[in-house]
Amino acid sequence: MTNEELIAYFKDQELPQILRINRAITQHEVADAVQRNIELLQHNKNDSRAKHRLIQIMDALENPYDGPAIPSL
């Protein structure tokens, strides 16, 4: 997926406040995180971290994680 396709995907997307990405990651303030990563991606086209995080958020929106949480100690 290209950077432009990722940015277009999130342009009009309804984003939740909190999103469970996987067993170990819960993203709070999803809209702020998406905006921040899009800005990073626009400033540096080769920023693989921002692109990776946007892809993780996109995957979590399309396929929500519904497995067990990490047990508390």
C-alpha atoms as a PDB file:
ATOM      1  CA  MET A   1       0.000   0.000   0.000  1.00  0.00           C
ATOM      2  CA  THR A   2       1.409   3.384  -0.951  1.00  0.00           C
ATOM      3  CA  ASN A   3       1.608   6.391   1.358  1.00  0.00           C
ATOM      4  CA  GLU A   4      -1.060   8.199  -0.672  1.00  0.00           C
ATOM      5  CA  GLU A   5      -3.433   5.228  -0.381  1.00  0.00           C
ATOM      6  CA  LEU A   6      -2.935   5.134   3.396  1.00  0.00           C
ATOM      7  CA  ILE A   7      -3.620   8.856   3.739  1.00  0.00           C
ATOM      8  CA  ALA A   8      -6.725   8.559   1.542  1.00  0.00           C
ATOM      9  CA  TYR A   9      -7.980   5.608   3.620  1.00  0.00           C
ATOM     10  CA  PHE A  10      -7.946   7.674   6.814  1.00  0.00           C
ATOM     11  CA  LYS A  11      -9.254  10.895   5.238  1.00  0.00           C
ATOM     12  CA  ASP A  12     -12.970  10.317   5.975  1.00  0.00           C
ATOM     13  CA  GLN A  13     -12.659   7.336   8.316  1.00  0.00           C
ATOM     14  CA  GLU A  14     -14.694   7.365  11.546  1.00  0.00           C
ATOM     15  CA  LEU A  15     -12.148   6.608  14.273  1.00  0.00           C
ATOM     16  CA  PRO A  16     -12.865   5.340  17.792  1.00  0.00           C
ATOM     17  CA  GLN A  17     -11.355   6.912  20.900  1.00  0.00           C
ATOM     18  CA  ILE A  18      -9.611   3.654  21.924  1.00  0.00           C
ATOM     19  CA  LEU A  19      -8.625   0.795  19.619  1.00  0.00           C
ATOM     20  CA  ARG A  20      -7.243  -2.617  20.536  1.00  0.00           C
ATOM     21  CA  ILE A  21      -4.616  -3.340  17.884  1.00  0.00           C
ATOM     22  CA  ASN A  22      -3.475  -6.722  19.171  1.00  0.00           C
ATOM     23  CA  ARG A  23      -2.980  -8.581  22.433  1.00  0.00           C
ATOM     24  CA  ALA A  24      -0.207  -6.288  23.616  1.00  0.00           C
ATOM     25  CA  ILE A  25      -1.140  -2.929  22.049  1.00  0.00           C
ATOM     26  CA  THR A  26      -4.068  -0.642  22.807  1.00  0.00           C
ATOM     27  CA  GLN A  27      -4.032   2.695  20.986  1.00  0.00           C
ATOM     28  CA  HIS A  28      -5.618   5.565  22.917  1.00  0.00           C
ATOM     29  CA  GLU A  29      -6.668   8.798  21.157  1.00  0.00           C
ATOM     30  CA  VAL A  30      -6.719   7.091  17.781  1.00  0.00           C
ATOM     31  CA  ALA A  31      -7.569  10.212  15.758  1.00  0.00           C
ATOM     32  CA  ASP A  32      -4.581  12.087  17.212  1.00  0.00           C
ATOM     33  CA  ALA A  33      -2.278   9.133  16.576  1.00  0.00           C
ATOM     34  CA  VAL A  34      -3.453   8.834  12.967  1.00  0.00           C
ATOM     35  CA  GLN A  35      -2.992  12.566  12.358  1.00  0.00           C
ATOM     36  CA  ARG A  36       0.470  12.541  13.942  1.00  0.00           C
ATOM     37  CA  ASN A  37       1.605   9.548  11.866  1.00  0.00           C
ATOM     38  CA  ILE A  38       0.200  11.035   8.651  1.00  0.00           C
ATOM     39  CA  GLU A  39       2.151  14.246   9.313  1.00  0.00           C
ATOM     40  CA  LEU A  40       5.317  12.232   9.923  1.00  0.00           C
ATOM     41  CA  LEU A  41       4.735  10.288   6.723  1.00  0.00           C
ATOM     42  CA  GLN A  42       4.206  13.487   4.718  1.00  0.00           C
ATOM     43  CA  HIS A  43       7.392  15.064   6.070  1.00  0.00           C
ATOM     44  CA  ASN A  44       9.483  11.944   5.491  1.00  0.00           C
ATOM     45  CA  LYS A  45       8.227   9.621   2.749  1.00  0.00           C
ATOM     46  CA  ASN A  46      10.554   6.852   3.975  1.00  0.00           C
ATOM     47  CA  ASP A  47       9.338   6.829   7.596  1.00  0.00           C
ATOM     48  CA  SER A  48       8.637   3.126   7.979  1.00  0.00           C
ATOM     49  CA  ARG A  49       7.545   3.458  11.627  1.00  0.00           C
ATOM     50  CA  ALA A  50       4.697   5.851  10.846  1.00  0.00           C
ATOM     51  CA  LYS A  51       3.596   3.743   7.896  1.00  0.00           C
ATOM     52  CA  HIS A  52       3.728   0.563   9.971  1.00  0.00           C
ATOM     53  CA  ARG A  53       1.597   2.117  12.735  1.00  0.00           C
ATOM     54  CA  LEU A  54      -0.984   3.380  10.232  1.00  0.00           C
ATOM     55  CA  ILE A  55      -1.187  -0.086   8.699  1.00  0.00           C
ATOM     56  CA  GLN A  56      -1.631  -1.609  12.179  1.00  0.00           C
ATOM     57  CA  ILE A  57      -4.471   0.810  12.932  1.00  0.00           C
ATOM     58  CA  MET A  58      -6.083   0.137   9.540  1.00  0.00           C
ATOM     59  CA  ASP A  59      -5.905  -3.634  10.106  1.00  0.00           C
ATOM     60  CA  ALA A  60      -7.375  -3.267  13.601  1.00  0.00           C
ATOM     61  CA  LEU A  61     -10.265  -1.199  12.244  1.00  0.00           C
ATOM     62  CA  GLU A  62     -11.032  -3.790   9.571  1.00  0.00           C
ATOM     63  CA  ASN A  63     -10.409  -6.849  11.781  1.00  0.00           C
ATOM     64  CA  PRO A  64     -10.894  -5.939  15.457  1.00  0.00           C
ATOM     65  CA  TYR A  65      -8.882  -7.979  17.948  1.00  0.00           C
ATOM     66  CA  ASP A  66     -11.198 -10.014  20.144  1.00  0.00           C
ATOM     67  CA  GLY A  67      -8.756 -12.372  21.843  1.00  0.00           C
ATOM     68  CA  PRO A  68      -7.693 -12.483  25.478  1.00  0.00           C
ATOM     69  CA  ALA A  69      -5.844  -9.677  27.171  1.00  0.00           C
ATOM     70  CA  ILE A  70      -2.412 -10.071  28.714  1.00  0.00           C
ATOM     71  CA  PRO A  71      -2.989 -11.260  32.304  1.00  0.00           C
ATOM     72  CA  SER A  72      -2.183  -8.800  35.079  1.00  0.00           C
ATOM     73  CA  LEU A  73       0.345  -9.820  37.671  1.00  0.00           C
END
